[in-house]
Amino acid sequence: MNPESFFENKIRLENERALIEPLQEKHFEFLLPVALHTELWEFSSSKINTETDFKKYFNAALSERAAGSSYPFAIYDKLNKQYAGSTRFTAISLPNKRMEIGFTWYHPSLQRTGINKACKYLLLQYGFEILDLNRIELKTNVLNVKSQGAMLKIGALKEGVFRRHILNDDGTIRDTMYFSFIKEEWPKIKTTFFTEFAAV
């Protein structure tokens, strides 16, 4: 796929639980109350404490799509009829047929309710079955045990730690744990870990 056409596409993904749509200015007012739950950013390199912080984060996401470096999404929870959070395709290298699913966050009340699994299925399916990628990465703070557990529960393979990998907004240094999915493993992962979606 031509990288320019990828970023110009309106990628809209949907199943019974979730709707994933391209992030736009209209989403700011819906996502702001979610983003102001400061516990969401405990293990993130971004530290959101105020509306100004989130506006900077939000505008940076839109700018990254315009620059062709990431593709951010807003997530709508169809079950609870509310915007739930955000995620992105990032670290995109289409010539090498790989990318990362990252910058993912949800309202605290919706965590562990199935919304993340519904979204990951849509994004992984699109990556492997539409974009024909060879590899999709996930990563998280090495201290974020909860996030690592969630990645393992959807079949991601733990690869290891990138030491002193990221400088956080607050000046601290983060070690990062990497996980991945690869093309050859996707058919089995799809029918083993995402049975409720793959059967539809």
N, C-alpha and C. Protein backbone atom coordinates (compact mmCIF):
# COMPACT_ATOMS: atom_id res chain seq x y z
N MET A 1 0.84 -1.20 0.00
CA MET A 1 0.00 0.00 0.00
C MET A 1 0.87 1.25 0.00
N ASN A 2 0.46 2.23 -0.78
CA ASN A 2 1.14 3.52 -0.79
C ASN A 2 0.94 4.22 0.55
N PRO A 3 2.03 4.63 1.22
CA PRO A 3 1.89 5.28 2.54
C PRO A 3 0.96 6.49 2.52
N GLU A 4 1.00 7.28 1.45
CA GLU A 4 0.15 8.46 1.39
C GLU A 4 -1.33 8.07 1.36
N SER A 5 -1.67 7.04 0.59
CA SER A 5 -3.07 6.63 0.51
C SER A 5 -3.54 6.03 1.83
N PHE A 6 -2.63 5.39 2.57
CA PHE A 6 -3.00 4.85 3.88
C PHE A 6 -3.50 5.96 4.80
N PHE A 7 -2.77 7.04 4.88
CA PHE A 7 -3.14 8.13 5.79
C PHE A 7 -4.34 8.92 5.29
N GLU A 8 -4.62 8.85 4.00
CA GLU A 8 -5.79 9.52 3.45
C GLU A 8 -7.07 8.71 3.63
N ASN A 9 -6.91 7.40 3.84
CA ASN A 9 -8.08 6.53 4.02
C ASN A 9 -8.85 6.88 5.28
N LYS A 10 -10.18 6.77 5.19
CA LYS A 10 -11.02 6.92 6.38
C LYS A 10 -11.23 5.51 6.94
N ILE A 11 -10.37 5.13 7.88
CA ILE A 11 -10.45 3.78 8.45
C ILE A 11 -11.51 3.76 9.54
N ARG A 12 -12.56 3.01 9.29
CA ARG A 12 -13.67 2.91 10.25
C ARG A 12 -13.92 1.43 10.49
N LEU A 13 -13.73 0.98 11.73
CA LEU A 13 -13.83 -0.43 12.07
C LEU A 13 -14.91 -0.62 13.13
N GLU A 14 -15.67 -1.71 13.01
CA GLU A 14 -16.83 -1.84 13.89
C GLU A 14 -17.18 -3.31 14.13
N ASN A 15 -17.55 -3.63 15.35
CA ASN A 15 -18.18 -4.91 15.67
C ASN A 15 -19.33 -4.62 16.63
N GLU A 16 -19.86 -5.67 17.27
CA GLU A 16 -21.03 -5.46 18.13
C GLU A 16 -20.73 -4.56 19.33
N ARG A 17 -19.48 -4.55 19.78
CA ARG A 17 -19.14 -3.79 21.00
C ARG A 17 -18.56 -2.42 20.71
N ALA A 18 -17.71 -2.32 19.70
CA ALA A 18 -16.90 -1.10 19.53
C ALA A 18 -16.99 -0.52 18.12
N LEU A 19 -16.85 0.79 18.07
CA LEU A 19 -16.69 1.52 16.82
C LEU A 19 -15.40 2.30 16.92
N ILE A 20 -14.51 2.08 15.97
CA ILE A 20 -13.23 2.80 15.93
C ILE A 20 -13.26 3.69 14.70
N GLU A 21 -13.07 4.99 14.90
CA GLU A 21 -13.14 5.94 13.79
C GLU A 21 -11.99 6.92 13.86
N PRO A 22 -11.61 7.52 12.72
CA PRO A 22 -10.48 8.46 12.72
C PRO A 22 -10.69 9.61 13.70
N LEU A 23 -9.68 9.92 14.47
CA LEU A 23 -9.76 11.03 15.42
C LEU A 23 -9.93 12.34 14.67
N GLN A 24 -10.90 13.15 15.12
CA GLN A 24 -11.18 14.46 14.53
C GLN A 24 -11.39 15.48 15.64
N GLU A 25 -11.40 16.74 15.26
CA GLU A 25 -11.59 17.82 16.23
C GLU A 25 -12.85 17.64 17.07
N LYS A 26 -13.90 17.11 16.45
CA LYS A 26 -15.18 16.95 17.16
C LYS A 26 -15.06 16.03 18.37
N HIS A 27 -14.03 15.17 18.38
CA HIS A 27 -13.90 14.21 19.47
C HIS A 27 -13.31 14.83 20.74
N PHE A 28 -12.75 16.01 20.64
CA PHE A 28 -12.07 16.59 21.81
C PHE A 28 -13.02 16.71 23.00
N GLU A 29 -14.20 17.24 22.78
CA GLU A 29 -15.13 17.47 23.90
C GLU A 29 -15.63 16.16 24.51
N PHE A 30 -15.67 15.10 23.71
CA PHE A 30 -16.12 13.81 24.23
C PHE A 30 -15.02 13.09 25.01
N LEU A 31 -13.79 13.27 24.56
CA LEU A 31 -12.67 12.55 25.17
C LEU A 31 -12.04 13.28 26.34
N LEU A 32 -12.23 14.60 26.41
CA LEU A 32 -11.64 15.38 27.50
C LEU A 32 -12.02 14.84 28.88
N PRO A 33 -13.30 14.58 29.18
CA PRO A 33 -13.63 14.07 30.52
C PRO A 33 -12.98 12.72 30.82
N VAL A 34 -12.76 11.93 29.79
CA VAL A 34 -12.08 10.64 29.98
C VAL A 34 -10.61 10.88 30.30
N ALA A 35 -9.99 11.74 29.51
CA ALA A 35 -8.55 11.98 29.66
C ALA A 35 -8.18 12.62 30.99
N LEU A 36 -9.12 13.32 31.61
CA LEU A 36 -8.82 14.00 32.87
C LEU A 36 -8.84 13.06 34.08
N HIS A 37 -9.07 11.78 33.84
CA HIS A 37 -8.84 10.78 34.89
C HIS A 37 -7.33 10.53 34.93
N THR A 38 -6.66 11.22 35.81
CA THR A 38 -5.19 11.25 35.78
C THR A 38 -4.54 9.89 36.02
N GLU A 39 -5.28 8.95 36.62
CA GLU A 39 -4.70 7.62 36.84
C GLU A 39 -4.41 6.90 35.52
N LEU A 40 -5.05 7.34 34.44
CA LEU A 40 -4.79 6.73 33.12
C LEU A 40 -3.35 6.90 32.68
N TRP A 41 -2.70 7.92 33.17
CA TRP A 41 -1.38 8.31 32.67
C TRP A 41 -0.24 7.92 33.60
N GLU A 42 -0.55 7.12 34.64
CA GLU A 42 0.46 6.76 35.62
C GLU A 42 1.69 6.13 34.98
N PHE A 43 1.48 5.23 34.03
CA PHE A 43 2.60 4.51 33.42
C PHE A 43 2.90 5.00 32.00
N SER A 44 2.21 6.03 31.57
CA SER A 44 2.40 6.56 30.22
C SER A 44 3.53 7.58 30.20
N SER A 45 4.15 7.74 29.03
CA SER A 45 5.17 8.78 28.89
C SER A 45 4.53 10.16 28.90
N SER A 46 3.26 10.25 28.46
CA SER A 46 2.51 11.51 28.53
C SER A 46 1.89 11.65 29.92
N LYS A 47 1.89 12.87 30.43
CA LYS A 47 1.31 13.14 31.74
C LYS A 47 0.23 14.20 31.57
N ILE A 48 -1.04 13.77 31.65
CA ILE A 48 -2.18 14.67 31.44
C ILE A 48 -2.81 15.00 32.79
N ASN A 49 -2.74 16.27 33.15
CA ASN A 49 -3.33 16.73 34.40
C ASN A 49 -4.39 17.81 34.20
N THR A 50 -4.34 18.49 33.06
CA THR A 50 -5.23 19.62 32.82
C THR A 50 -5.79 19.56 31.40
N GLU A 51 -6.80 20.38 31.15
CA GLU A 51 -7.35 20.48 29.79
C GLU A 51 -6.28 20.93 28.81
N THR A 52 -5.41 21.83 29.24
CA THR A 52 -4.32 22.30 28.38
C THR A 52 -3.37 21.17 28.01
N ASP A 53 -3.07 20.33 28.98
CA ASP A 53 -2.22 19.16 28.70
C ASP A 53 -2.85 18.28 27.64
N PHE A 54 -4.16 18.04 27.79
CA PHE A 54 -4.82 17.14 26.85
C PHE A 54 -4.95 17.78 25.47
N LYS A 55 -5.18 19.08 25.42
CA LYS A 55 -5.27 19.76 24.13
C LYS A 55 -3.95 19.62 23.36
N LYS A 56 -2.85 19.74 24.06
CA LYS A 56 -1.54 19.56 23.43
C LYS A 56 -1.38 18.13 22.91
N TYR A 57 -1.76 17.17 23.73
CA TYR A 57 -1.69 15.75 23.36
C TYR A 57 -2.59 15.48 22.15
N PHE A 58 -3.81 15.99 22.20
CA PHE A 58 -4.80 15.78 21.15
C PHE A 58 -4.34 16.38 19.82
N ASN A 59 -3.86 17.60 19.87
CA ASN A 59 -3.39 18.27 18.65
C ASN A 59 -2.17 17.57 18.06
N ALA A 60 -1.31 17.06 18.94
CA ALA A 60 -0.13 16.31 18.46
C ALA A 60 -0.57 15.06 17.71
N ALA A 61 -1.61 14.39 18.20
CA ALA A 61 -2.12 13.20 17.52
C ALA A 61 -2.64 13.55 16.13
N LEU A 62 -3.40 14.63 16.02
CA LEU A 62 -3.90 15.05 14.70
C LEU A 62 -2.75 15.43 13.77
N SER A 63 -1.75 16.10 14.32
CA SER A 63 -0.59 16.51 13.52
C SER A 63 0.21 15.30 13.02
N GLU A 64 0.27 14.27 13.84
CA GLU A 64 1.00 13.07 13.42
C GLU A 64 0.34 12.41 12.22
N ARG A 65 -0.99 12.40 12.19
CA ARG A 65 -1.64 11.83 11.00
C ARG A 65 -1.36 12.70 9.77
N ALA A 66 -1.45 14.02 9.95
CA ALA A 66 -1.18 14.92 8.83
C ALA A 66 0.24 14.76 8.30
N ALA A 67 1.17 14.46 9.21
CA ALA A 67 2.58 14.29 8.83
C ALA A 67 2.89 12.88 8.35
N GLY A 68 1.93 11.96 8.47
CA GLY A 68 2.15 10.60 8.02
C GLY A 68 3.01 9.78 8.95
N SER A 69 2.89 10.01 10.27
CA SER A 69 3.69 9.23 11.22
C SER A 69 2.84 8.34 12.13
N SER A 70 1.55 8.65 12.29
CA SER A 70 0.66 7.76 13.03
C SER A 70 -0.77 8.01 12.58
N TYR A 71 -1.66 7.09 12.95
CA TYR A 71 -3.07 7.21 12.57
C TYR A 71 -3.89 7.04 13.85
N PRO A 72 -4.33 8.15 14.45
CA PRO A 72 -5.07 8.08 15.72
C PRO A 72 -6.57 7.86 15.51
N PHE A 73 -7.17 7.19 16.49
CA PHE A 73 -8.60 6.87 16.44
C PHE A 73 -9.30 7.31 17.72
N ALA A 74 -10.58 7.57 17.60
CA ALA A 74 -11.48 7.67 18.76
C ALA A 74 -12.23 6.36 18.86
N ILE A 75 -12.50 5.92 20.08
CA ILE A 75 -13.19 4.65 20.32
C ILE A 75 -14.55 4.95 20.94
N TYR A 76 -15.60 4.42 20.31
CA TYR A 76 -16.96 4.56 20.83
C TYR A 76 -17.44 3.20 21.34
N ASP A 77 -17.91 3.18 22.57
CA ASP A 77 -18.43 1.96 23.19
C ASP A 77 -19.93 1.86 22.87
N LYS A 78 -20.28 0.94 21.99
CA LYS A 78 -21.67 0.82 21.55
C LYS A 78 -22.58 0.28 22.65
N LEU A 79 -22.01 -0.55 23.54
CA LEU A 79 -22.81 -1.11 24.63
C LEU A 79 -23.24 -0.03 25.61
N ASN A 80 -22.31 0.83 25.98
CA ASN A 80 -22.59 1.87 26.97
C ASN A 80 -22.92 3.23 26.35
N LYS A 81 -22.89 3.28 25.02
CA LYS A 81 -23.29 4.48 24.28
C LYS A 81 -22.51 5.72 24.72
N GLN A 82 -21.17 5.58 24.70
CA GLN A 82 -20.31 6.70 25.05
C GLN A 82 -18.94 6.54 24.41
N TYR A 83 -18.26 7.66 24.22
CA TYR A 83 -16.87 7.58 23.77
C TYR A 83 -16.03 7.07 24.92
N ALA A 84 -15.24 6.03 24.61
CA ALA A 84 -14.54 5.29 25.66
C ALA A 84 -13.09 5.70 25.82
N GLY A 85 -12.45 6.17 24.73
CA GLY A 85 -11.03 6.48 24.79
C GLY A 85 -10.44 6.62 23.40
N SER A 86 -9.18 6.23 23.28
CA SER A 86 -8.46 6.46 22.03
C SER A 86 -7.37 5.41 21.86
N THR A 87 -6.95 5.22 20.62
CA THR A 87 -5.83 4.34 20.30
C THR A 87 -5.22 4.82 18.98
N ARG A 88 -4.09 4.23 18.59
CA ARG A 88 -3.44 4.64 17.33
C ARG A 88 -2.73 3.46 16.67
N PHE A 89 -2.64 3.53 15.35
CA PHE A 89 -1.60 2.84 14.63
C PHE A 89 -0.39 3.78 14.66
N THR A 90 0.73 3.31 15.13
CA THR A 90 1.92 4.16 15.21
C THR A 90 3.16 3.32 14.89
N ALA A 91 4.33 3.94 14.92
CA ALA A 91 5.57 3.26 14.52
C ALA A 91 5.35 2.55 13.19
N ILE A 92 4.74 3.25 12.26
CA ILE A 92 4.29 2.66 11.00
C ILE A 92 5.44 2.58 10.01
N SER A 93 5.67 1.37 9.51
CA SER A 93 6.67 1.15 8.45
C SER A 93 6.04 0.25 7.41
N LEU A 94 5.27 0.82 6.51
CA LEU A 94 4.57 0.03 5.51
C LEU A 94 5.53 -0.71 4.56
N PRO A 95 6.68 -0.11 4.17
CA PRO A 95 7.61 -0.87 3.34
C PRO A 95 8.08 -2.16 4.01
N ASN A 96 8.18 -2.14 5.35
CA ASN A 96 8.59 -3.32 6.10
C ASN A 96 7.40 -4.13 6.63
N LYS A 97 6.20 -3.67 6.28
CA LYS A 97 4.96 -4.37 6.62
C LYS A 97 4.82 -4.59 8.12
N ARG A 98 5.03 -3.51 8.88
CA ARG A 98 4.85 -3.60 10.32
C ARG A 98 4.33 -2.28 10.87
N MET A 99 3.72 -2.34 12.03
CA MET A 99 3.30 -1.14 12.78
C MET A 99 3.01 -1.54 14.20
N GLU A 100 2.72 -0.55 15.01
CA GLU A 100 2.40 -0.75 16.42
C GLU A 100 0.99 -0.28 16.70
N ILE A 101 0.30 -0.96 17.60
CA ILE A 101 -0.94 -0.46 18.18
C ILE A 101 -0.56 0.13 19.53
N GLY A 102 -0.75 1.43 19.68
CA GLY A 102 -0.30 2.07 20.91
C GLY A 102 -1.11 3.30 21.27
N PHE A 103 -0.65 4.02 22.30
CA PHE A 103 -1.34 5.21 22.80
C PHE A 103 -2.80 4.87 23.11
N THR A 104 -3.02 3.72 23.74
CA THR A 104 -4.37 3.23 24.00
C THR A 104 -4.79 3.54 25.44
N TRP A 105 -5.95 4.13 25.60
CA TRP A 105 -6.48 4.42 26.92
C TRP A 105 -8.02 4.45 26.89
N TYR A 106 -8.60 4.04 28.00
CA TYR A 106 -10.05 3.94 28.14
C TYR A 106 -10.48 4.55 29.47
N HIS A 107 -11.71 4.99 29.51
CA HIS A 107 -12.29 5.44 30.78
C HIS A 107 -12.08 4.34 31.83
N PRO A 108 -11.66 4.70 33.03
CA PRO A 108 -11.40 3.68 34.06
C PRO A 108 -12.57 2.73 34.30
N SER A 109 -13.79 3.23 34.20
CA SER A 109 -14.97 2.38 34.46
C SER A 109 -15.18 1.34 33.37
N LEU A 110 -14.53 1.51 32.23
CA LEU A 110 -14.71 0.58 31.11
C LEU A 110 -13.56 -0.40 30.97
N GLN A 111 -12.55 -0.25 31.79
CA GLN A 111 -11.45 -1.20 31.75
C GLN A 111 -11.93 -2.55 32.28
N ARG A 112 -11.43 -3.61 31.66
CA ARG A 112 -11.81 -4.99 32.02
C ARG A 112 -13.29 -5.26 31.78
N THR A 113 -13.88 -4.59 30.80
CA THR A 113 -15.28 -4.85 30.44
C THR A 113 -15.38 -5.46 29.05
N GLY A 114 -14.27 -5.69 28.39
CA GLY A 114 -14.29 -6.29 27.05
C GLY A 114 -14.08 -5.30 25.92
N ILE A 115 -14.10 -4.02 26.20
CA ILE A 115 -13.95 -3.02 25.13
C ILE A 115 -12.55 -3.08 24.51
N ASN A 116 -11.53 -3.28 25.33
CA ASN A 116 -10.17 -3.36 24.78
C ASN A 116 -10.02 -4.57 23.87
N LYS A 117 -10.53 -5.69 24.28
CA LYS A 117 -10.43 -6.90 23.46
C LYS A 117 -11.17 -6.72 22.13
N ALA A 118 -12.34 -6.10 22.17
CA ALA A 118 -13.10 -5.85 20.95
C ALA A 118 -12.33 -4.96 19.98
N CYS A 119 -11.68 -3.94 20.53
CA CYS A 119 -10.91 -3.02 19.69
C CYS A 119 -9.64 -3.68 19.15
N LYS A 120 -8.95 -4.42 20.00
CA LYS A 120 -7.72 -5.07 19.54
C LYS A 120 -8.02 -6.05 18.41
N TYR A 121 -9.14 -6.75 18.51
CA TYR A 121 -9.50 -7.67 17.43
C TYR A 121 -9.67 -6.92 16.12
N LEU A 122 -10.40 -5.82 16.14
CA LEU A 122 -10.63 -5.04 14.93
C LEU A 122 -9.32 -4.52 14.33
N LEU A 123 -8.44 -4.03 15.17
CA LEU A 123 -7.18 -3.46 14.70
C LEU A 123 -6.23 -4.54 14.17
N LEU A 124 -6.16 -5.66 14.88
CA LEU A 124 -5.31 -6.76 14.42
C LEU A 124 -5.85 -7.36 13.13
N GLN A 125 -7.14 -7.53 13.05
CA GLN A 125 -7.74 -8.08 11.83
C GLN A 125 -7.46 -7.17 10.64
N TYR A 126 -7.61 -5.88 10.85
CA TYR A 126 -7.35 -4.93 9.76
C TYR A 126 -5.88 -4.98 9.36
N GLY A 127 -5.01 -5.01 10.35
CA GLY A 127 -3.58 -5.01 10.06
C GLY A 127 -3.14 -6.24 9.29
N PHE A 128 -3.59 -7.41 9.72
CA PHE A 128 -3.13 -8.65 9.08
C PHE A 128 -3.93 -9.02 7.83
N GLU A 129 -5.23 -8.77 7.84
CA GLU A 129 -6.07 -9.25 6.76
C GLU A 129 -6.33 -8.21 5.66
N ILE A 130 -6.22 -6.95 5.98
CA ILE A 130 -6.42 -5.90 4.97
C ILE A 130 -5.08 -5.31 4.52
N LEU A 131 -4.24 -4.95 5.50
CA LEU A 131 -2.94 -4.36 5.16
C LEU A 131 -1.88 -5.41 4.85
N ASP A 132 -2.16 -6.67 5.20
CA ASP A 132 -1.22 -7.78 4.96
C ASP A 132 0.12 -7.53 5.65
N LEU A 133 0.07 -7.07 6.89
CA LEU A 133 1.29 -6.83 7.65
C LEU A 133 1.95 -8.14 8.06
N ASN A 134 3.24 -8.07 8.30
CA ASN A 134 3.99 -9.22 8.83
C ASN A 134 4.07 -9.20 10.35
N ARG A 135 3.97 -7.98 10.94
CA ARG A 135 4.21 -7.83 12.38
C ARG A 135 3.41 -6.66 12.92
N ILE A 136 2.81 -6.87 14.09
CA ILE A 136 2.16 -5.78 14.82
C ILE A 136 2.69 -5.81 16.25
N GLU A 137 3.17 -4.67 16.70
CA GLU A 137 3.80 -4.56 18.02
C GLU A 137 2.86 -3.92 19.03
N LEU A 138 3.09 -4.25 20.28
CA LEU A 138 2.50 -3.57 21.43
C LEU A 138 3.64 -3.32 22.40
N LYS A 139 3.55 -2.24 23.16
CA LYS A 139 4.57 -2.02 24.18
C LYS A 139 3.95 -1.30 25.37
N THR A 140 4.61 -1.44 26.52
CA THR A 140 4.12 -0.78 27.73
C THR A 140 5.27 -0.58 28.70
N ASN A 141 5.04 0.29 29.65
CA ASN A 141 6.00 0.50 30.74
C ASN A 141 6.26 -0.82 31.44
N VAL A 142 7.54 -1.11 31.72
CA VAL A 142 7.88 -2.37 32.37
C VAL A 142 7.22 -2.49 33.75
N LEU A 143 6.82 -1.36 34.34
CA LEU A 143 6.16 -1.37 35.64
C LEU A 143 4.66 -1.63 35.54
N ASN A 144 4.12 -1.55 34.33
CA ASN A 144 2.67 -1.67 34.15
C ASN A 144 2.28 -3.15 33.99
N VAL A 145 2.22 -3.83 35.11
CA VAL A 145 1.93 -5.27 35.12
C VAL A 145 0.52 -5.54 34.61
N LYS A 146 -0.43 -4.66 34.93
CA LYS A 146 -1.82 -4.82 34.49
C LYS A 146 -1.91 -4.83 32.97
N SER A 147 -1.23 -3.89 32.32
CA SER A 147 -1.24 -3.82 30.87
C SER A 147 -0.56 -5.04 30.24
N GLN A 148 0.54 -5.47 30.84
CA GLN A 148 1.23 -6.65 30.32
C GLN A 148 0.33 -7.88 30.40
N GLY A 149 -0.41 -8.01 31.49
CA GLY A 149 -1.34 -9.13 31.62
C GLY A 149 -2.42 -9.11 30.55
N ALA A 150 -2.91 -7.91 30.25
CA ALA A 150 -3.95 -7.77 29.22
C ALA A 150 -3.42 -8.18 27.85
N MET A 151 -2.14 -7.86 27.57
CA MET A 151 -1.54 -8.23 26.29
C MET A 151 -1.38 -9.74 26.17
N LEU A 152 -0.98 -10.37 27.26
CA LEU A 152 -0.82 -11.83 27.25
C LEU A 152 -2.17 -12.52 27.07
N LYS A 153 -3.23 -11.93 27.61
CA LYS A 153 -4.56 -12.54 27.53
C LYS A 153 -5.14 -12.53 26.12
N ILE A 154 -4.58 -11.72 25.22
CA ILE A 154 -5.06 -11.72 23.83
C ILE A 154 -4.05 -12.38 22.90
N GLY A 155 -3.09 -13.11 23.47
CA GLY A 155 -2.20 -13.91 22.65
C GLY A 155 -0.92 -13.26 22.19
N ALA A 156 -0.60 -12.07 22.70
CA ALA A 156 0.65 -11.41 22.31
C ALA A 156 1.84 -12.14 22.91
N LEU A 157 2.93 -12.15 22.19
CA LEU A 157 4.16 -12.78 22.67
C LEU A 157 5.06 -11.74 23.32
N LYS A 158 5.46 -12.00 24.57
CA LYS A 158 6.39 -11.10 25.25
C LYS A 158 7.79 -11.30 24.66
N GLU A 159 8.39 -10.20 24.20
CA GLU A 159 9.69 -10.29 23.53
C GLU A 159 10.86 -9.86 24.41
N GLY A 160 10.64 -8.89 25.27
CA GLY A 160 11.72 -8.46 26.13
C GLY A 160 11.68 -6.97 26.42
N VAL A 161 12.70 -6.50 27.14
CA VAL A 161 12.73 -5.13 27.65
C VAL A 161 13.73 -4.29 26.88
N PHE A 162 13.28 -3.10 26.46
CA PHE A 162 14.17 -2.06 25.95
C PHE A 162 14.52 -1.17 27.14
N ARG A 163 15.75 -1.24 27.61
CA ARG A 163 16.15 -0.52 28.81
C ARG A 163 16.37 0.96 28.52
N ARG A 164 15.99 1.79 29.49
CA ARG A 164 16.14 3.25 29.40
C ARG A 164 15.68 3.73 28.02
N HIS A 165 14.44 3.39 27.72
CA HIS A 165 13.93 3.51 26.35
C HIS A 165 13.27 4.85 26.04
N ILE A 166 12.50 5.38 27.00
CA ILE A 166 11.70 6.58 26.74
C ILE A 166 11.88 7.59 27.87
N LEU A 167 12.00 8.84 27.49
CA LEU A 167 12.03 9.94 28.46
C LEU A 167 10.60 10.44 28.63
N ASN A 168 10.06 10.29 29.83
CA ASN A 168 8.69 10.72 30.11
C ASN A 168 8.59 12.23 30.19
N ASP A 169 7.34 12.72 30.08
CA ASP A 169 7.10 14.16 30.17
C ASP A 169 7.61 14.76 31.47
N ASP A 170 7.58 13.97 32.54
CA ASP A 170 8.01 14.49 33.84
C ASP A 170 9.52 14.34 34.07
N GLY A 171 10.25 13.89 33.05
CA GLY A 171 11.71 13.80 33.15
C GLY A 171 12.23 12.45 33.60
N THR A 172 11.34 11.57 34.05
CA THR A 172 11.79 10.23 34.45
C THR A 172 12.06 9.39 33.20
N ILE A 173 12.83 8.32 33.39
CA ILE A 173 13.20 7.45 32.27
C ILE A 173 12.47 6.13 32.40
N ARG A 174 11.92 5.68 31.29
CA ARG A 174 11.11 4.46 31.29
C ARG A 174 11.81 3.31 30.59
N ASP A 175 11.77 2.13 31.20
CA ASP A 175 12.10 0.88 30.53
C ASP A 175 10.80 0.37 29.91
N THR A 176 10.89 -0.20 28.70
CA THR A 176 9.70 -0.58 27.96
C THR A 176 9.69 -2.07 27.65
N MET A 177 8.56 -2.72 27.92
CA MET A 177 8.37 -4.12 27.59
C MET A 177 7.68 -4.23 26.23
N TYR A 178 8.28 -5.00 25.33
CA TYR A 178 7.73 -5.18 23.99
C TYR A 178 7.00 -6.52 23.87
N PHE A 179 5.88 -6.49 23.15
CA PHE A 179 5.11 -7.67 22.78
C PHE A 179 4.86 -7.60 21.27
N SER A 180 4.51 -8.74 20.68
CA SER A 180 4.21 -8.70 19.25
C SER A 180 3.26 -9.82 18.84
N PHE A 181 2.66 -9.61 17.68
CA PHE A 181 1.93 -10.62 16.92
C PHE A 181 2.60 -10.68 15.55
N ILE A 182 2.64 -11.86 14.94
CA ILE A 182 3.14 -11.95 13.57
C ILE A 182 2.11 -12.66 12.69
N LYS A 183 2.24 -12.42 11.41
CA LYS A 183 1.27 -12.87 10.41
C LYS A 183 0.97 -14.37 10.50
N GLU A 184 2.02 -15.17 10.64
CA GLU A 184 1.87 -16.62 10.63
C GLU A 184 1.07 -17.13 11.84
N GLU A 185 1.11 -16.38 12.93
CA GLU A 185 0.42 -16.79 14.15
C GLU A 185 -1.02 -16.30 14.23
N TRP A 186 -1.36 -15.30 13.42
CA TRP A 186 -2.65 -14.65 13.54
C TRP A 186 -3.85 -15.60 13.37
N PRO A 187 -3.88 -16.51 12.38
CA PRO A 187 -5.06 -17.37 12.25
C PRO A 187 -5.37 -18.16 13.52
N LYS A 188 -4.34 -18.70 14.18
CA LYS A 188 -4.57 -19.46 15.41
C LYS A 188 -4.97 -18.53 16.56
N ILE A 189 -4.31 -17.38 16.68
CA ILE A 189 -4.65 -16.43 17.73
C ILE A 189 -6.09 -15.96 17.57
N LYS A 190 -6.48 -15.72 16.35
CA LYS A 190 -7.83 -15.24 16.05
C LYS A 190 -8.89 -16.22 16.54
N THR A 191 -8.68 -17.50 16.32
CA THR A 191 -9.68 -18.50 16.68
C THR A 191 -9.52 -19.03 18.11
N THR A 192 -8.40 -18.70 18.74
CA THR A 192 -8.16 -19.16 20.11
C THR A 192 -8.49 -18.10 21.14
N PHE A 193 -8.02 -16.86 20.89
CA PHE A 193 -8.16 -15.79 21.87
C PHE A 193 -9.33 -14.85 21.57
N PHE A 194 -9.80 -14.85 20.33
CA PHE A 194 -10.88 -13.92 19.93
C PHE A 194 -12.07 -14.69 19.37
N THR A 195 -12.37 -15.82 19.98
CA THR A 195 -13.41 -16.72 19.47
C THR A 195 -14.75 -16.01 19.26
N GLU A 196 -15.12 -15.16 20.22
CA GLU A 196 -16.43 -14.52 20.16
C GLU A 196 -16.58 -13.56 18.97
N PHE A 197 -15.44 -13.04 18.49
CA PHE A 197 -15.47 -12.13 17.35
C PHE A 197 -15.23 -12.86 16.04
N ALA A 198 -14.31 -13.83 16.06
CA ALA A 198 -13.96 -14.57 14.85
C ALA A 198 -15.13 -15.38 14.33
N ALA A 199 -16.02 -15.79 15.24
CA ALA A 199 -17.16 -16.63 14.84
C ALA A 199 -18.25 -15.84 14.14
N VAL A 200 -18.22 -14.51 14.28
CA VAL A 200 -19.27 -13.67 13.69
C VAL A 200 -19.04 -13.53 12.20
